[in-house]
Protein backbone atom coordinates (compact mmCIF):
# COMPACT_ATOMS: atom_id res chain seq x y z
CA UNK A 1 0.08 -0.17 -0.13
CA UNK A 2 1.74 3.25 -1.11
CA UNK A 3 1.22 6.65 0.40
CA UNK A 4 1.95 10.10 -1.01
CA UNK A 5 4.30 12.71 0.34
CA UNK A 6 4.00 16.40 -1.03
CA UNK A 7 6.60 19.01 0.33
CA UNK A 8 6.42 22.68 -0.74
CA UNK A 9 8.46 25.60 0.24
CA UNK A 10 9.03 29.01 -1.04
CA UNK A 11 11.76 31.48 -0.80
CA UNK A 12 12.60 34.84 -2.03
CA UNK A 13 16.25 35.13 -3.41
CA UNK A 14 17.96 38.54 -4.74
CA UNK A 15 18.53 37.35 -8.21
CA UNK A 16 17.00 37.22 -11.72
CA UNK A 17 14.78 34.05 -12.46
CA UNK A 18 16.82 33.20 -15.90
CA UNK A 19 20.07 32.95 -13.52
CA UNK A 20 18.22 30.79 -10.70
CA UNK A 21 16.48 28.86 -13.33
CA UNK A 22 19.93 27.65 -14.81
CA UNK A 23 21.55 27.01 -11.12
CA UNK A 24 18.65 24.95 -10.10
CA UNK A 25 17.79 22.98 -13.10
CA UNK A 26 21.33 22.59 -14.97
CA UNK A 27 22.60 19.17 -13.75
CA UNK A 28 26.46 20.54 -13.82
CA UNK A 29 25.85 23.71 -12.07
CA UNK A 30 23.35 22.26 -9.62
CA UNK A 31 25.96 19.54 -8.24
CA UNK A 32 28.79 22.35 -7.55
CA UNK A 33 26.26 24.26 -4.87
CA UNK A 34 23.69 21.57 -3.56
CA UNK A 35 25.15 19.44 -0.83
CA UNK A 36 22.39 16.89 -1.22
CA UNK A 37 23.87 15.80 -4.66
CA UNK A 38 27.36 14.09 -5.27
CA UNK A 39 26.58 13.56 -8.80
CA UNK A 40 24.44 14.82 -11.57
CA UNK A 41 24.98 14.31 -15.13
CA UNK A 42 23.22 13.77 -18.52
CA UNK A 43 22.65 10.06 -19.21
CA UNK A 44 24.85 9.17 -22.38
CA UNK A 45 27.69 11.74 -21.81
CA UNK A 46 27.00 15.09 -23.39
CA UNK A 47 23.52 16.42 -22.99
CA UNK A 48 21.61 19.89 -22.67
CA UNK A 49 18.37 20.87 -20.70
CA UNK A 50 15.43 19.88 -22.72
CA UNK A 51 12.16 18.39 -22.20
CA UNK A 52 12.54 14.51 -22.01
CA UNK A 53 16.41 14.75 -21.51
CA UNK A 54 17.59 11.96 -18.85
CA UNK A 55 20.03 12.51 -16.13
CA UNK A 56 21.54 10.41 -13.49
CA UNK A 57 21.26 11.74 -9.88
CA UNK A 58 23.30 10.32 -6.91
CA UNK A 59 22.41 11.65 -3.28
CA UNK A 60 24.62 12.26 -0.75
CA UNK A 61 25.06 9.64 2.14
CA UNK A 62 22.59 11.75 4.51
CA UNK A 63 20.08 11.05 1.96
CA UNK A 64 20.90 7.10 2.11
CA UNK A 65 23.34 7.55 -1.03
CA UNK A 66 20.44 6.62 -3.73
CA UNK A 67 21.29 6.66 -7.06
CA UNK A 68 18.49 7.20 -9.91
CA UNK A 69 17.82 8.36 -13.33
CA UNK A 70 15.15 11.14 -13.90
CA UNK A 71 13.54 12.62 -16.97
CA UNK A 72 12.99 16.23 -17.60
CA UNK A 73 9.81 17.76 -18.03
CA UNK A 74 7.51 20.74 -17.77
CA UNK A 75 10.49 23.15 -19.02
CA UNK A 76 9.46 26.66 -19.35
CA UNK A 77 12.53 28.81 -19.18
CA UNK A 78 12.80 30.66 -16.95
CA UNK A 79 9.48 30.37 -15.13
CA UNK A 80 9.17 26.54 -14.23
CA UNK A 81 10.92 23.41 -14.72
CA UNK A 82 11.25 19.95 -13.07
CA UNK A 83 11.96 16.30 -13.24
CA UNK A 84 10.42 12.94 -12.41
CA UNK A 85 12.18 9.72 -11.51
CA UNK A 86 12.02 6.79 -14.25
CA UNK A 87 12.03 4.04 -11.74
CA UNK A 88 11.69 3.47 -8.18
CA UNK A 89 14.25 5.43 -5.81
CA UNK A 90 14.82 3.25 -2.64
CA UNK A 91 11.82 3.30 -0.52
CA UNK A 92 10.04 5.45 -3.29
CA UNK A 93 8.06 4.32 -6.01
CA UNK A 94 7.88 7.71 -7.68
CA UNK A 95 9.80 10.88 -6.93
CA UNK A 96 9.25 14.26 -8.58
CA UNK A 97 10.95 17.90 -8.10
CA UNK A 98 9.39 21.07 -9.57
CA UNK A 99 10.68 24.52 -9.51
CA UNK A 100 8.99 27.77 -9.94
CA UNK A 101 10.33 31.12 -10.34
CA UNK A 102 8.26 34.20 -10.06
CA UNK A 103 9.88 37.59 -10.79
CA UNK A 104 9.04 40.06 -8.21
CA UNK A 105 10.80 43.58 -7.15
CA UNK A 106 14.11 42.96 -5.42
CA UNK A 107 14.70 39.40 -6.56
CA UNK A 108 12.63 36.03 -7.58
CA UNK A 109 10.16 34.09 -5.32
CA UNK A 110 11.53 30.65 -5.75
CA UNK A 111 9.11 27.63 -5.21
CA UNK A 112 10.60 24.03 -4.74
CA UNK A 113 8.01 21.13 -4.54
CA UNK A 114 8.82 17.47 -3.98
CA UNK A 115 6.30 14.83 -4.47
CA UNK A 116 7.21 11.26 -3.34
CA UNK A 117 5.05 8.15 -3.10
CA UNK A 118 6.45 5.58 -0.78
CA UNK A 119 5.88 1.80 -0.89
CA UNK A 120 5.33 1.18 2.46
CA UNK A 121 3.40 2.92 5.13
CA UNK A 122 5.86 2.32 8.04
CA UNK A 123 8.67 4.26 6.09
CA UNK A 124 6.46 7.32 5.36
CA UNK A 125 7.40 9.18 8.34
CA UNK A 126 11.26 8.94 8.27
CA UNK A 127 11.13 9.30 4.26
CA UNK A 128 8.97 12.56 4.49
CA UNK A 129 11.67 14.07 7.36
CA UNK A 130 14.45 13.35 4.85
CA UNK A 131 12.88 14.97 2.20
CA UNK A 132 11.92 18.02 3.83
CA UNK A 133 15.28 18.72 4.93
CA UNK A 134 16.38 18.28 1.42
CA UNK A 135 13.98 20.93 0.26
CA UNK A 136 14.73 23.23 3.00
CA UNK A 137 18.59 22.89 2.76
CA UNK A 138 18.48 23.12 -1.28
CA UNK A 139 16.37 26.36 -0.85
CA UNK A 140 18.94 28.12 1.60
CA UNK A 141 22.27 26.83 -0.39
CA UNK A 142 20.73 28.24 -3.53
CA UNK A 143 20.30 31.59 -1.68
CA UNK A 144 23.69 31.50 -0.18
CA UNK A 145 25.34 30.69 -3.45
CA UNK A 146 23.58 33.72 -4.99
CA UNK A 147 24.38 35.86 -2.06
CA UNK A 148 28.16 34.56 -2.15
CA UNK A 149 28.44 35.54 -6.17
CA UNK A 150 27.05 39.05 -5.26
CA UNK A 151 29.52 39.37 -2.15
CA UNK A 152 32.47 38.20 -4.36
CA UNK A 153 31.52 40.66 -6.89
CA UNK A 154 31.46 43.56 -4.49
CA UNK A 155 34.74 42.55 -2.89
CA UNK A 156 36.29 42.31 -6.08
CA UNK A 157 34.80 45.96 -6.94
CA UNK A 158 35.99 47.21 -3.64
CA UNK A 159 39.65 45.75 -4.38
CA UNK A 160 39.90 47.60 -7.94
CA UNK A 161 38.59 50.75 -6.09
CA UNK A 162 41.33 50.45 -3.65
CA UNK A 163 43.95 49.51 -6.25
CA UNK A 164 43.01 52.52 -8.25
CA UNK A 165 42.97 55.01 -5.08
CA UNK A 166 46.62 53.64 -4.06
CA UNK A 167 47.59 54.41 -7.75
CA UNK A 168 46.10 57.93 -8.08
CA UNK A 169 47.75 58.59 -4.28
CA UNK A 170 51.05 57.40 -5.68
CA UNK A 171 50.62 59.71 -8.94
CA UNK A 172 49.90 62.50 -6.85
CA UNK A 173 53.08 62.07 -4.58
CA UNK A 174 55.09 62.00 -7.69
CA UNK A 175 53.68 65.09 -9.13
CA UNK A 176 54.28 67.00 -5.91
CA UNK A 177 57.96 65.82 -5.75
CA UNK A 178 58.21 66.67 -9.32
CA UNK A 179 56.81 70.20 -8.63
CA UNK A 180 59.07 70.79 -5.74
CA UNK A 181 62.27 69.86 -7.75
CA UNK A 182 61.26 72.38 -10.28
CA UNK A 183 61.01 75.17 -7.89
CA UNK A 184 64.47 74.50 -6.86
């Protein structure tokens, strides 16, 4: 007897929807920032993000290290996208993940929905807890990644500005020395 699990969380991230869409749905980018995934790659080598594209995922050990194949569907860049497992994933008969990106002033409202159907009633509670943790940590890490990129950009701009100010001060000193020499 199978039972359904549905988890939906929303967060506002200070970034454009197209940037978040690529970060969340492109497997090579996703594996770089999402601590829940150890591996994510297109099946059969090179691939690209499209409806019906097959992707191999491997969860981290805290998520039982499960490996599975998923098929992308409902891709509408940059508003929505998601995938659904092709076969069962450990104790789950089916696992789906859907993303929605809604632009708003100051950022984007990101909604992550995870649906699963457990094969056995007795395993529902621990699996639901595990999937809830997956959703929350994924959204927090997405926000942290975007904020880190913005912080890095600001730090780089600050260093450049500081370097320009040093060079300008040095040039002014040299000009002052040259004018003193001319006066003598």
